[in-house]
Amino acid sequence: MTRNGVTTVNNGTQDAGAVIEAGRRRLRLLLITALLALAVTSIALVATTPDRAERAAPVCLVFGLGPVNNGKAVIAAGLALDVPEQGIVAGLTAAMQETELHNLANPNVPDSLAAAHDGLALDHQALGILQQGATWGSAGERMSPTIAAEKFYTAMRSVEGWQQMAPAELAALVQRSAFPEGYRDEVAPAREFYRRHVGEVQVAHCSAGGAAEAALVGAGS
């Protein structure tokens, strides 16, 4: 083979090696670029994905029919609104005096009959465990023990000095009762009910407006 031929063959070998090396460099560059893109995407996902442990739905409660469950709803609504024990006892006192914690529909308000209820009452337009009249809200709201209790607590907080009032006095005032003395006998049972069941209905980070009706609690009356 001539010197020129050898030179030609060497040049060809060198060119092929250069092409392979260049291809390897491009492959490494593409791989590095892909890894960088993947890393950036992963960081973005971590930054934007909610932390399930921190942002999980609040642990709340929903209740079935019956006086015990209705009373638990009164407690849960109070806890959700950060109402102190005395205020929740006032709410229970009112519900025990008005209906013995029964959620009552009223034939005078036909819409109330479609809601889950424990029985019937015929006192004008009064509905629910607190026998709230039409000024308290819709039939559906008044027939929800949780929402009815929330409305009671909202009205209670508008009473000047309510934190210092005795539960019976406060309950009668919020209920606008013409017979306030009737609430006194219910305070002790209301306080006992609260202390017996509050541990079962502890809720965390539940907002008002019925949010305390999110997770199921077994029915019992």
N, C-alpha and C. Protein backbone atom coordinates (compact mmCIF):
# COMPACT_ATOMS: atom_id res chain seq x y z
N MET A 1 0.87 -1.19 0.00
CA MET A 1 0.00 0.00 0.00
C MET A 1 0.90 1.23 0.00
N THR A 2 0.49 2.23 -0.78
CA THR A 2 1.32 3.43 -0.91
C THR A 2 1.18 4.31 0.31
N ARG A 3 2.14 5.25 0.46
CA ARG A 3 2.08 6.18 1.59
C ARG A 3 0.83 7.02 1.53
N ASN A 4 0.47 7.38 0.25
CA ASN A 4 -0.75 8.19 0.11
C ASN A 4 -1.98 7.40 0.55
N GLY A 5 -1.97 6.10 0.23
CA GLY A 5 -3.11 5.27 0.62
C GLY A 5 -3.20 5.15 2.13
N VAL A 6 -2.02 4.97 2.75
CA VAL A 6 -2.03 4.86 4.20
C VAL A 6 -2.54 6.14 4.83
N THR A 7 -2.06 7.26 4.25
CA THR A 7 -2.52 8.56 4.78
C THR A 7 -4.01 8.69 4.65
N THR A 8 -4.58 8.23 3.53
CA THR A 8 -6.01 8.33 3.30
C THR A 8 -6.78 7.51 4.33
N VAL A 9 -6.23 6.29 4.57
CA VAL A 9 -6.90 5.42 5.54
C VAL A 9 -6.85 6.03 6.95
N ASN A 10 -5.69 6.60 7.37
CA ASN A 10 -5.58 7.22 8.69
C ASN A 10 -6.54 8.40 8.84
N ASN A 11 -6.63 9.23 7.77
CA ASN A 11 -7.56 10.37 7.83
C ASN A 11 -9.00 9.90 8.02
N GLY A 12 -9.34 8.85 7.32
CA GLY A 12 -10.70 8.32 7.44
C GLY A 12 -10.97 7.82 8.85
N THR A 13 -9.96 7.14 9.44
CA THR A 13 -10.13 6.64 10.81
C THR A 13 -10.27 7.77 11.80
N GLN A 14 -9.43 8.80 11.63
CA GLN A 14 -9.51 9.96 12.51
C GLN A 14 -10.85 10.67 12.39
N ASP A 15 -11.36 10.81 11.16
CA ASP A 15 -12.66 11.46 10.96
C ASP A 15 -13.77 10.67 11.64
N ALA A 16 -13.75 9.35 11.53
CA ALA A 16 -14.78 8.51 12.16
C ALA A 16 -14.73 8.64 13.68
N GLY A 17 -13.52 8.65 14.23
CA GLY A 17 -13.38 8.80 15.68
C GLY A 17 -13.90 10.14 16.15
N ALA A 18 -13.62 11.17 15.36
CA ALA A 18 -14.10 12.50 15.73
C ALA A 18 -15.63 12.55 15.71
N VAL A 19 -16.21 11.89 14.72
CA VAL A 19 -17.68 11.88 14.63
C VAL A 19 -18.29 11.16 15.83
N ILE A 20 -17.67 10.01 16.21
CA ILE A 20 -18.18 9.24 17.34
C ILE A 20 -18.06 10.04 18.63
N GLU A 21 -16.90 10.68 18.80
CA GLU A 21 -16.67 11.47 20.00
C GLU A 21 -17.65 12.64 20.09
N ALA A 22 -17.88 13.27 18.92
CA ALA A 22 -18.83 14.38 18.89
C ALA A 22 -20.24 13.90 19.24
N GLY A 23 -20.58 12.72 18.72
CA GLY A 23 -21.89 12.14 19.04
C GLY A 23 -22.02 11.86 20.52
N ARG A 24 -20.91 11.34 21.13
CA ARG A 24 -20.94 11.07 22.56
C ARG A 24 -21.12 12.35 23.36
N ARG A 25 -20.44 13.43 22.93
CA ARG A 25 -20.57 14.70 23.64
C ARG A 25 -22.01 15.22 23.58
N ARG A 26 -22.59 15.09 22.37
CA ARG A 26 -23.98 15.54 22.23
C ARG A 26 -24.93 14.72 23.11
N LEU A 27 -24.68 13.40 23.17
CA LEU A 27 -25.51 12.52 23.99
C LEU A 27 -25.40 12.89 25.46
N ARG A 28 -24.12 13.16 25.90
CA ARG A 28 -23.93 13.56 27.29
C ARG A 28 -24.62 14.89 27.58
N LEU A 29 -24.54 15.81 26.64
CA LEU A 29 -25.17 17.11 26.81
C LEU A 29 -26.68 16.98 26.91
N LEU A 30 -27.25 16.12 26.02
CA LEU A 30 -28.69 15.90 26.05
C LEU A 30 -29.12 15.26 27.37
N LEU A 31 -28.31 14.31 27.84
CA LEU A 31 -28.62 13.63 29.09
C LEU A 31 -28.57 14.60 30.26
N ILE A 32 -27.53 15.45 30.29
CA ILE A 32 -27.41 16.44 31.36
C ILE A 32 -28.58 17.41 31.32
N THR A 33 -28.95 17.85 30.11
CA THR A 33 -30.08 18.77 29.95
C THR A 33 -31.38 18.15 30.45
N ALA A 34 -31.57 16.86 30.10
CA ALA A 34 -32.78 16.16 30.52
C ALA A 34 -32.84 16.02 32.04
N LEU A 35 -31.69 15.71 32.64
CA LEU A 35 -31.64 15.57 34.10
C LEU A 35 -31.92 16.90 34.80
N LEU A 36 -31.37 17.98 34.24
CA LEU A 36 -31.62 19.30 34.81
C LEU A 36 -33.10 19.67 34.73
N ALA A 37 -33.71 19.37 33.57
CA ALA A 37 -35.12 19.67 33.39
C ALA A 37 -35.97 18.86 34.37
N LEU A 38 -35.58 17.59 34.56
CA LEU A 38 -36.31 16.75 35.49
C LEU A 38 -36.19 17.29 36.92
N ALA A 39 -34.98 17.74 37.26
CA ALA A 39 -34.77 18.28 38.61
C ALA A 39 -35.60 19.54 38.83
N VAL A 40 -35.63 20.42 37.83
CA VAL A 40 -36.42 21.65 37.94
C VAL A 40 -37.90 21.33 38.10
N THR A 41 -38.38 20.36 37.29
CA THR A 41 -39.78 19.96 37.37
C THR A 41 -40.12 19.40 38.74
N SER A 42 -39.22 18.58 39.29
CA SER A 42 -39.45 17.99 40.60
C SER A 42 -39.52 19.06 41.68
N ILE A 43 -38.64 20.04 41.60
CA ILE A 43 -38.64 21.13 42.58
C ILE A 43 -39.94 21.92 42.49
N ALA A 44 -40.39 22.17 41.26
CA ALA A 44 -41.63 22.92 41.07
C ALA A 44 -42.82 22.16 41.64
N LEU A 45 -42.85 20.82 41.45
CA LEU A 45 -43.94 20.03 41.97
C LEU A 45 -43.94 20.03 43.49
N VAL A 46 -42.78 19.93 44.09
CA VAL A 46 -42.69 19.97 45.54
C VAL A 46 -43.17 21.31 46.07
N ALA A 47 -42.85 22.38 45.35
CA ALA A 47 -43.22 23.73 45.81
C ALA A 47 -44.70 23.99 45.69
N THR A 48 -45.36 23.34 44.71
CA THR A 48 -46.76 23.66 44.45
C THR A 48 -47.73 22.62 44.94
N THR A 49 -47.28 21.40 45.27
CA THR A 49 -48.17 20.36 45.74
C THR A 49 -48.47 20.56 47.21
N PRO A 50 -49.78 20.58 47.61
CA PRO A 50 -50.10 20.78 49.02
C PRO A 50 -49.54 19.67 49.89
N ASP A 51 -49.10 20.02 51.05
CA ASP A 51 -48.63 19.04 52.02
C ASP A 51 -49.86 18.40 52.65
N ARG A 52 -50.08 17.13 52.35
CA ARG A 52 -51.30 16.48 52.81
C ARG A 52 -51.39 16.44 54.32
N ALA A 53 -50.27 16.33 54.96
CA ALA A 53 -50.29 16.28 56.43
C ALA A 53 -50.74 17.60 57.02
N GLU A 54 -50.37 18.71 56.34
CA GLU A 54 -50.70 20.03 56.86
C GLU A 54 -52.02 20.56 56.33
N ARG A 55 -52.42 20.10 55.12
CA ARG A 55 -53.60 20.68 54.48
C ARG A 55 -54.73 19.68 54.34
N ALA A 56 -54.69 18.62 55.10
CA ALA A 56 -55.75 17.63 55.04
C ALA A 56 -57.07 18.28 55.44
N ALA A 57 -58.16 17.70 54.94
CA ALA A 57 -59.48 18.21 55.32
C ALA A 57 -59.65 18.13 56.82
N PRO A 58 -60.33 19.10 57.40
CA PRO A 58 -60.50 19.07 58.85
C PRO A 58 -61.27 17.86 59.32
N VAL A 59 -60.96 17.40 60.52
CA VAL A 59 -61.69 16.28 61.10
C VAL A 59 -62.93 16.86 61.76
N CYS A 60 -64.08 16.56 61.19
CA CYS A 60 -65.32 17.12 61.69
C CYS A 60 -66.33 16.00 61.91
N LEU A 61 -67.55 16.37 62.19
CA LEU A 61 -68.52 15.36 62.56
C LEU A 61 -69.85 15.57 61.87
N VAL A 62 -70.50 14.46 61.57
CA VAL A 62 -71.89 14.51 61.12
C VAL A 62 -72.67 13.53 61.99
N PHE A 63 -73.93 13.83 62.27
CA PHE A 63 -74.67 13.06 63.25
C PHE A 63 -75.97 12.52 62.67
N GLY A 64 -76.44 11.45 63.28
CA GLY A 64 -77.71 10.88 62.90
C GLY A 64 -78.84 11.48 63.70
N LEU A 65 -79.97 10.77 63.70
CA LEU A 65 -81.14 11.25 64.41
C LEU A 65 -81.06 10.92 65.89
N GLY A 66 -81.91 11.53 66.67
CA GLY A 66 -82.03 11.22 68.08
C GLY A 66 -81.43 12.27 68.98
N PRO A 67 -81.91 12.34 70.22
CA PRO A 67 -81.48 13.38 71.15
C PRO A 67 -79.98 13.41 71.41
N VAL A 68 -79.35 12.23 71.58
CA VAL A 68 -77.92 12.22 71.87
C VAL A 68 -77.12 12.79 70.70
N ASN A 69 -77.46 12.37 69.50
CA ASN A 69 -76.75 12.90 68.33
C ASN A 69 -77.01 14.38 68.14
N ASN A 70 -78.24 14.81 68.42
CA ASN A 70 -78.54 16.24 68.30
C ASN A 70 -77.73 17.05 69.31
N GLY A 71 -77.61 16.52 70.52
CA GLY A 71 -76.80 17.20 71.52
C GLY A 71 -75.34 17.25 71.13
N LYS A 72 -74.84 16.17 70.53
CA LYS A 72 -73.45 16.16 70.06
C LYS A 72 -73.25 17.23 68.98
N ALA A 73 -74.27 17.42 68.14
CA ALA A 73 -74.17 18.45 67.10
C ALA A 73 -74.07 19.84 67.72
N VAL A 74 -74.78 20.06 68.80
CA VAL A 74 -74.71 21.35 69.51
C VAL A 74 -73.29 21.57 70.05
N ILE A 75 -72.72 20.51 70.62
CA ILE A 75 -71.36 20.61 71.15
C ILE A 75 -70.37 20.87 70.01
N ALA A 76 -70.48 20.10 68.94
CA ALA A 76 -69.54 20.23 67.82
C ALA A 76 -69.59 21.61 67.20
N ALA A 77 -70.79 22.17 67.06
CA ALA A 77 -70.92 23.52 66.50
C ALA A 77 -70.23 24.52 67.40
N GLY A 78 -70.39 24.36 68.70
CA GLY A 78 -69.73 25.28 69.63
C GLY A 78 -68.22 25.16 69.57
N LEU A 79 -67.70 23.94 69.53
CA LEU A 79 -66.26 23.75 69.44
C LEU A 79 -65.72 24.35 68.15
N ALA A 80 -66.44 24.16 67.06
CA ALA A 80 -66.00 24.70 65.77
C ALA A 80 -65.93 26.22 65.78
N LEU A 81 -66.76 26.84 66.60
CA LEU A 81 -66.80 28.30 66.68
C LEU A 81 -66.00 28.83 67.88
N ASP A 82 -65.24 27.94 68.53
CA ASP A 82 -64.43 28.34 69.69
C ASP A 82 -65.26 28.92 70.82
N VAL A 83 -66.45 28.39 71.00
CA VAL A 83 -67.30 28.82 72.11
C VAL A 83 -66.82 28.11 73.37
N PRO A 84 -66.67 28.81 74.49
CA PRO A 84 -66.23 28.17 75.74
C PRO A 84 -67.31 27.26 76.31
N GLU A 85 -66.92 26.47 77.30
CA GLU A 85 -67.85 25.49 77.89
C GLU A 85 -69.15 26.13 78.34
N GLN A 86 -69.08 27.26 79.04
CA GLN A 86 -70.29 27.90 79.54
C GLN A 86 -71.28 28.23 78.42
N GLY A 87 -70.73 28.68 77.27
CA GLY A 87 -71.60 29.02 76.15
C GLY A 87 -72.24 27.78 75.54
N ILE A 88 -71.47 26.69 75.43
CA ILE A 88 -72.03 25.45 74.89
C ILE A 88 -73.07 24.88 75.84
N VAL A 89 -72.81 24.97 77.14
CA VAL A 89 -73.80 24.52 78.12
C VAL A 89 -75.08 25.34 77.99
N ALA A 90 -74.96 26.62 77.70
CA ALA A 90 -76.15 27.45 77.47
C ALA A 90 -76.92 26.95 76.26
N GLY A 91 -76.21 26.60 75.18
CA GLY A 91 -76.87 26.07 73.99
C GLY A 91 -77.57 24.75 74.27
N LEU A 92 -76.92 23.86 75.02
CA LEU A 92 -77.54 22.60 75.39
C LEU A 92 -78.74 22.82 76.31
N THR A 93 -78.59 23.77 77.23
CA THR A 93 -79.69 24.10 78.14
C THR A 93 -80.92 24.55 77.36
N ALA A 94 -80.70 25.40 76.37
CA ALA A 94 -81.82 25.89 75.56
C ALA A 94 -82.49 24.75 74.80
N ALA A 95 -81.67 23.89 74.18
CA ALA A 95 -82.22 22.79 73.39
C ALA A 95 -82.95 21.77 74.27
N MET A 96 -82.42 21.53 75.47
CA MET A 96 -83.09 20.59 76.38
C MET A 96 -84.43 21.15 76.85
N GLN A 97 -84.46 22.44 77.13
CA GLN A 97 -85.70 23.07 77.58
C GLN A 97 -86.74 23.13 76.46
N GLU A 98 -86.29 23.44 75.26
CA GLU A 98 -87.23 23.64 74.14
C GLU A 98 -87.79 22.31 73.63
N THR A 99 -86.95 21.29 73.49
CA THR A 99 -87.39 20.07 72.81
C THR A 99 -86.83 18.78 73.42
N GLU A 100 -86.12 18.88 74.54
CA GLU A 100 -85.43 17.71 75.10
C GLU A 100 -84.49 17.11 74.06
N LEU A 101 -83.89 17.99 73.27
CA LEU A 101 -82.91 17.64 72.23
C LEU A 101 -83.51 16.86 71.06
N HIS A 102 -84.82 16.93 70.88
CA HIS A 102 -85.44 16.32 69.70
C HIS A 102 -85.50 17.36 68.57
N ASN A 103 -85.25 16.90 67.37
CA ASN A 103 -85.29 17.78 66.20
C ASN A 103 -86.68 17.70 65.59
N LEU A 104 -87.49 18.73 65.79
CA LEU A 104 -88.91 18.66 65.49
C LEU A 104 -89.27 19.45 64.23
N ALA A 105 -89.98 18.77 63.33
CA ALA A 105 -90.56 19.43 62.17
C ALA A 105 -91.90 20.03 62.58
N ASN A 106 -92.51 20.78 61.66
CA ASN A 106 -93.76 21.47 61.98
C ASN A 106 -94.66 21.47 60.74
N PRO A 107 -95.84 20.87 60.82
CA PRO A 107 -96.75 20.87 59.67
C PRO A 107 -97.11 22.26 59.18
N ASN A 108 -96.98 23.26 60.06
CA ASN A 108 -97.23 24.64 59.63
C ASN A 108 -96.16 25.15 58.68
N VAL A 109 -95.03 24.44 58.62
CA VAL A 109 -93.94 24.77 57.69
C VAL A 109 -93.68 23.52 56.86
N PRO A 110 -94.43 23.33 55.78
CA PRO A 110 -94.35 22.07 55.03
C PRO A 110 -92.93 21.67 54.61
N ASP A 111 -92.07 22.63 54.31
CA ASP A 111 -90.71 22.29 53.91
C ASP A 111 -89.96 21.54 55.00
N SER A 112 -90.33 21.77 56.24
CA SER A 112 -89.63 21.11 57.33
C SER A 112 -89.89 19.61 57.36
N LEU A 113 -91.03 19.18 56.80
CA LEU A 113 -91.38 17.77 56.84
C LEU A 113 -90.47 16.93 55.94
N ALA A 114 -89.83 17.58 54.99
CA ALA A 114 -88.92 16.85 54.09
C ALA A 114 -87.56 16.60 54.74
N ALA A 115 -87.25 17.31 55.81
CA ALA A 115 -85.97 17.14 56.50
C ALA A 115 -86.06 15.98 57.49
N ALA A 116 -84.90 15.37 57.77
CA ALA A 116 -84.86 14.33 58.80
C ALA A 116 -85.28 14.93 60.13
N HIS A 117 -86.19 14.24 60.85
CA HIS A 117 -86.66 14.81 62.10
C HIS A 117 -87.04 13.69 63.07
N ASP A 118 -87.17 14.07 64.32
CA ASP A 118 -87.48 13.11 65.39
C ASP A 118 -88.95 13.15 65.80
N GLY A 119 -89.71 14.06 65.25
CA GLY A 119 -91.10 14.19 65.63
C GLY A 119 -91.67 15.51 65.14
N LEU A 120 -92.87 15.84 65.59
CA LEU A 120 -93.56 17.03 65.12
C LEU A 120 -93.92 17.94 66.29
N ALA A 121 -93.98 19.24 66.00
CA ALA A 121 -94.46 20.24 66.95
C ALA A 121 -95.37 21.20 66.18
N LEU A 122 -96.22 21.89 66.89
CA LEU A 122 -97.21 22.77 66.23
C LEU A 122 -97.15 24.19 66.75
N ASP A 123 -96.00 24.62 67.22
CA ASP A 123 -95.87 25.96 67.80
C ASP A 123 -95.59 26.98 66.70
N HIS A 124 -96.64 27.57 66.16
CA HIS A 124 -96.53 28.59 65.11
C HIS A 124 -95.59 28.12 64.00
N GLN A 125 -94.48 28.84 63.75
CA GLN A 125 -93.53 28.48 62.70
C GLN A 125 -92.23 27.90 63.27
N ALA A 126 -92.24 27.55 64.55
CA ALA A 126 -91.02 27.10 65.21
C ALA A 126 -90.57 25.74 64.70
N LEU A 127 -89.24 25.61 64.56
CA LEU A 127 -88.66 24.38 64.01
C LEU A 127 -87.40 23.96 64.76
N GLY A 128 -87.10 22.68 64.65
CA GLY A 128 -85.79 22.18 65.05
C GLY A 128 -85.61 21.97 66.54
N ILE A 129 -84.37 21.68 66.93
CA ILE A 129 -84.06 21.38 68.33
C ILE A 129 -84.20 22.61 69.21
N LEU A 130 -84.11 23.79 68.61
CA LEU A 130 -84.20 25.03 69.38
C LEU A 130 -85.50 25.78 69.14
N GLN A 131 -86.42 25.16 68.39
CA GLN A 131 -87.71 25.77 68.11
C GLN A 131 -87.55 27.22 67.66
N GLN A 132 -86.72 27.39 66.65
CA GLN A 132 -86.45 28.73 66.13
C GLN A 132 -87.53 29.14 65.13
N GLY A 133 -87.98 30.39 65.24
CA GLY A 133 -88.98 30.92 64.33
C GLY A 133 -88.38 31.31 62.99
N ALA A 134 -89.24 31.83 62.12
CA ALA A 134 -88.83 32.14 60.75
C ALA A 134 -87.71 33.17 60.67
N THR A 135 -87.61 34.04 61.66
CA THR A 135 -86.56 35.06 61.62
C THR A 135 -85.16 34.48 61.79
N TRP A 136 -85.08 33.23 62.23
CA TRP A 136 -83.77 32.61 62.44
C TRP A 136 -83.17 32.04 61.16
N GLY A 137 -83.98 31.85 60.14
CA GLY A 137 -83.43 31.31 58.90
C GLY A 137 -84.43 30.45 58.17
N SER A 138 -83.96 29.79 57.12
CA SER A 138 -84.83 28.94 56.30
C SER A 138 -85.22 27.69 57.08
N ALA A 139 -86.21 26.98 56.56
CA ALA A 139 -86.62 25.73 57.20
C ALA A 139 -85.46 24.74 57.25
N GLY A 140 -84.71 24.64 56.16
CA GLY A 140 -83.59 23.72 56.12
C GLY A 140 -82.53 24.05 57.15
N GLU A 141 -82.26 25.33 57.33
CA GLU A 141 -81.26 25.75 58.32
C GLU A 141 -81.72 25.43 59.73
N ARG A 142 -82.98 25.74 60.02
CA ARG A 142 -83.49 25.52 61.37
C ARG A 142 -83.65 24.03 61.70
N MET A 143 -83.79 23.21 60.66
CA MET A 143 -83.92 21.77 60.85
C MET A 143 -82.57 21.06 60.91
N SER A 144 -81.51 21.78 60.69
CA SER A 144 -80.16 21.22 60.86
C SER A 144 -79.70 21.53 62.28
N PRO A 145 -79.53 20.52 63.14
CA PRO A 145 -79.09 20.81 64.51
C PRO A 145 -77.80 21.62 64.57
N THR A 146 -76.88 21.32 63.66
CA THR A 146 -75.60 22.05 63.66
C THR A 146 -75.81 23.52 63.31
N ILE A 147 -76.54 23.80 62.24
CA ILE A 147 -76.74 25.18 61.81
C ILE A 147 -77.61 25.93 62.81
N ALA A 148 -78.61 25.26 63.34
CA ALA A 148 -79.44 25.90 64.37
C ALA A 148 -78.59 26.30 65.56
N ALA A 149 -77.68 25.42 65.97
CA ALA A 149 -76.79 25.74 67.09
C ALA A 149 -75.85 26.89 66.73
N GLU A 150 -75.34 26.90 65.51
CA GLU A 150 -74.46 27.99 65.08
C GLU A 150 -75.19 29.33 65.16
N LYS A 151 -76.45 29.33 64.75
CA LYS A 151 -77.23 30.56 64.81
C LYS A 151 -77.45 30.99 66.27
N PHE A 152 -77.68 30.02 67.13
CA PHE A 152 -77.82 30.34 68.56
C PHE A 152 -76.54 30.99 69.08
N TYR A 153 -75.38 30.39 68.77
CA TYR A 153 -74.11 30.93 69.27
C TYR A 153 -73.81 32.31 68.69
N THR A 154 -74.18 32.52 67.44
CA THR A 154 -73.97 33.84 66.83
C THR A 154 -74.79 34.90 67.57
N ALA A 155 -76.07 34.57 67.84
CA ALA A 155 -76.92 35.50 68.58
C ALA A 155 -76.40 35.68 70.01
N MET A 156 -75.93 34.61 70.61
CA MET A 156 -75.41 34.67 71.97
C MET A 156 -74.25 35.64 72.08
N ARG A 157 -73.36 35.59 71.11
CA ARG A 157 -72.18 36.46 71.14
C ARG A 157 -72.53 37.93 70.95
N SER A 158 -73.72 38.20 70.47
CA SER A 158 -74.13 39.60 70.31
C SER A 158 -74.67 40.19 71.61
N VAL A 159 -74.84 39.34 72.62
CA VAL A 159 -75.35 39.79 73.91
C VAL A 159 -74.19 40.38 74.71
N GLU A 160 -74.32 41.60 75.12
CA GLU A 160 -73.25 42.24 75.89
C GLU A 160 -73.03 41.53 77.22
N GLY A 161 -71.79 41.19 77.50
CA GLY A 161 -71.46 40.54 78.76
C GLY A 161 -71.85 39.08 78.84
N TRP A 162 -72.09 38.44 77.70
CA TRP A 162 -72.56 37.06 77.72
C TRP A 162 -71.58 36.11 78.41
N GLN A 163 -70.27 36.43 78.35
CA GLN A 163 -69.28 35.53 78.96
C GLN A 163 -69.47 35.41 80.46
N GLN A 164 -70.05 36.42 81.09
CA GLN A 164 -70.21 36.41 82.55
C GLN A 164 -71.59 35.93 82.99
N MET A 165 -72.48 35.65 82.04
CA MET A 165 -73.85 35.27 82.39
C MET A 165 -73.93 33.78 82.74
N ALA A 166 -74.88 33.46 83.61
CA ALA A 166 -75.18 32.06 83.92
C ALA A 166 -75.84 31.42 82.71
N PRO A 167 -75.60 30.13 82.46
CA PRO A 167 -76.15 29.47 81.27
C PRO A 167 -77.66 29.59 81.14
N ALA A 168 -78.40 29.45 82.24
CA ALA A 168 -79.86 29.53 82.16
C ALA A 168 -80.31 30.92 81.73
N GLU A 169 -79.71 31.94 82.32
CA GLU A 169 -80.05 33.33 81.96
C GLU A 169 -79.72 33.60 80.49
N LEU A 170 -78.55 33.14 80.08
CA LEU A 170 -78.12 33.38 78.71
C LEU A 170 -79.00 32.64 77.72
N ALA A 171 -79.32 31.39 78.02
CA ALA A 171 -80.17 30.60 77.12
C ALA A 171 -81.53 31.27 76.95
N ALA A 172 -82.14 31.69 78.06
CA ALA A 172 -83.46 32.33 77.99
C ALA A 172 -83.41 33.63 77.21
N LEU A 173 -82.32 34.37 77.37
CA LEU A 173 -82.19 35.66 76.68
C LEU A 173 -82.05 35.46 75.18
N VAL A 174 -81.22 34.52 74.78
CA VAL A 174 -81.02 34.26 73.35
C VAL A 174 -82.31 33.73 72.73
N GLN A 175 -83.01 32.87 73.46
CA GLN A 175 -84.25 32.28 72.94
C GLN A 175 -85.44 33.24 73.03
N ARG A 176 -85.22 34.42 73.67
CA ARG A 176 -86.28 35.42 73.82
C ARG A 176 -87.49 34.81 74.52
N SER A 177 -87.22 34.03 75.54
CA SER A 177 -88.28 33.28 76.22
C SER A 177 -89.06 34.17 77.18
N ALA A 178 -90.38 33.92 77.23
CA ALA A 178 -91.24 34.62 78.18
C ALA A 178 -91.23 33.92 79.54
N PHE A 179 -90.57 32.75 79.60
CA PHE A 179 -90.53 31.97 80.84
C PHE A 179 -89.08 31.57 81.15
N PRO A 180 -88.24 32.54 81.47
CA PRO A 180 -86.81 32.27 81.67
C PRO A 180 -86.51 31.31 82.80
N GLU A 181 -87.40 31.26 83.81
CA GLU A 181 -87.13 30.37 84.94
C GLU A 181 -87.15 28.89 84.53
N GLY A 182 -87.78 28.60 83.42
CA GLY A 182 -87.88 27.21 82.98
C GLY A 182 -86.55 26.61 82.55
N TYR A 183 -85.56 27.44 82.32
CA TYR A 183 -84.27 26.94 81.84
C TYR A 183 -83.35 26.48 82.98
N ARG A 184 -83.66 26.89 84.20
CA ARG A 184 -82.72 26.64 85.29
C ARG A 184 -82.52 25.15 85.57
N ASP A 185 -83.61 24.40 85.50
CA ASP A 185 -83.51 22.98 85.82
C ASP A 185 -82.72 22.18 84.79
N GLU A 186 -82.48 22.78 83.63
CA GLU A 186 -81.79 22.06 82.56
C GLU A 186 -80.26 22.28 82.58
N VAL A 187 -79.80 23.19 83.40
CA VAL A 187 -78.37 23.51 83.39
C VAL A 187 -77.52 22.32 83.83
N ALA A 188 -77.89 21.69 84.94
CA ALA A 188 -77.10 20.56 85.43
C ALA A 188 -77.08 19.40 84.43
N PRO A 189 -78.23 18.99 83.88
CA PRO A 189 -78.18 17.94 82.86
C PRO A 189 -77.39 18.34 81.62
N ALA A 190 -77.48 19.64 81.26
CA ALA A 190 -76.73 20.11 80.09
C ALA A 190 -75.22 20.04 80.33
N ARG A 191 -74.81 20.43 81.51
CA ARG A 191 -73.38 20.38 81.83
C ARG A 191 -72.89 18.92 81.89
N GLU A 192 -73.70 18.06 82.45
CA GLU A 192 -73.33 16.64 82.51
C GLU A 192 -73.22 16.05 81.10
N PHE A 193 -74.19 16.41 80.25
CA PHE A 193 -74.16 15.92 78.85
C PHE A 193 -72.90 16.40 78.16
N TYR A 194 -72.58 17.66 78.33
CA TYR A 194 -71.38 18.23 77.70
C TYR A 194 -70.13 17.46 78.14
N ARG A 195 -69.96 17.27 79.42
CA ARG A 195 -68.74 16.64 79.92
C ARG A 195 -68.67 15.15 79.57
N ARG A 196 -69.84 14.53 79.40
CA ARG A 196 -69.85 13.12 79.03
C ARG A 196 -69.49 12.91 77.56
N HIS A 197 -69.89 13.86 76.71
CA HIS A 197 -69.75 13.63 75.26
C HIS A 197 -68.72 14.50 74.57
N VAL A 198 -68.18 15.51 75.24
CA VAL A 198 -67.28 16.43 74.54
C VAL A 198 -66.05 15.70 73.97
N GLY A 199 -65.57 14.69 74.70
CA GLY A 199 -64.41 13.96 74.21
C GLY A 199 -64.69 13.23 72.91
N GLU A 200 -65.94 12.83 72.69
CA GLU A 200 -66.31 12.10 71.47
C GLU A 200 -66.44 13.03 70.28
N VAL A 201 -66.69 14.29 70.54
CA VAL A 201 -67.00 15.19 69.44
C VAL A 201 -65.96 16.30 69.27
N GLN A 202 -64.78 16.06 69.82
CA GLN A 202 -63.72 17.05 69.63
C GLN A 202 -63.47 17.22 68.13
N VAL A 203 -63.42 18.47 67.69
CA VAL A 203 -63.15 18.75 66.29
C VAL A 203 -62.01 19.75 66.18
N ALA A 204 -61.27 19.69 65.08
CA ALA A 204 -60.15 20.60 64.89
C ALA A 204 -60.32 21.35 63.58
N HIS A 205 -60.15 22.66 63.60
CA HIS A 205 -60.11 23.51 62.41
C HIS A 205 -61.39 23.44 61.60
N CYS A 206 -62.52 23.23 62.25
CA CYS A 206 -63.78 23.23 61.51
C CYS A 206 -64.33 24.64 61.49
N SER A 207 -64.73 25.07 60.29
CA SER A 207 -65.27 26.42 60.18
C SER A 207 -66.76 26.40 60.41
N ALA A 208 -67.32 27.56 60.50
CA ALA A 208 -68.76 27.67 60.71
C ALA A 208 -69.50 27.37 59.41
N GLY A 209 -70.84 27.49 59.46
CA GLY A 209 -71.66 27.29 58.28
C GLY A 209 -71.86 25.83 57.94
N GLY A 210 -71.83 24.96 58.92
CA GLY A 210 -72.10 23.56 58.67
C GLY A 210 -70.87 22.75 58.40
N ALA A 211 -69.69 23.30 58.50
CA ALA A 211 -68.49 22.51 58.25
C ALA A 211 -68.31 21.43 59.29
N ALA A 212 -68.98 21.56 60.39
CA ALA A 212 -68.85 20.53 61.41
C ALA A 212 -69.66 19.30 61.05
N GLU A 213 -70.05 19.16 59.80
CA GLU A 213 -70.79 18.00 59.35
C GLU A 213 -70.03 17.27 58.26
N ALA A 214 -68.75 16.99 58.46
CA ALA A 214 -67.95 16.43 57.40
C ALA A 214 -67.63 14.95 57.50
N ALA A 215 -67.51 14.38 58.68
CA ALA A 215 -67.15 12.99 58.80
C ALA A 215 -68.18 12.25 59.65
N LEU A 216 -68.38 10.99 59.38
CA LEU A 216 -69.50 10.26 59.97
C LEU A 216 -69.20 9.80 61.39
N VAL A 217 -70.19 9.99 62.24
CA VAL A 217 -70.14 9.44 63.59
C VAL A 217 -71.33 8.50 63.70
N GLY A 218 -71.15 7.35 64.30
CA GLY A 218 -72.22 6.38 64.39
C GLY A 218 -73.46 6.92 65.07
N ALA A 219 -74.60 6.58 64.54
CA ALA A 219 -75.86 7.04 65.13
C ALA A 219 -76.08 6.36 66.46
N GLY A 220 -76.74 7.08 67.34
CA GLY A 220 -77.06 6.55 68.66
C GLY A 220 -77.95 7.53 69.36
N SER A 221 -78.96 7.07 70.01
CA SER A 221 -79.87 7.98 70.67
C SER A 221 -80.19 7.49 72.05
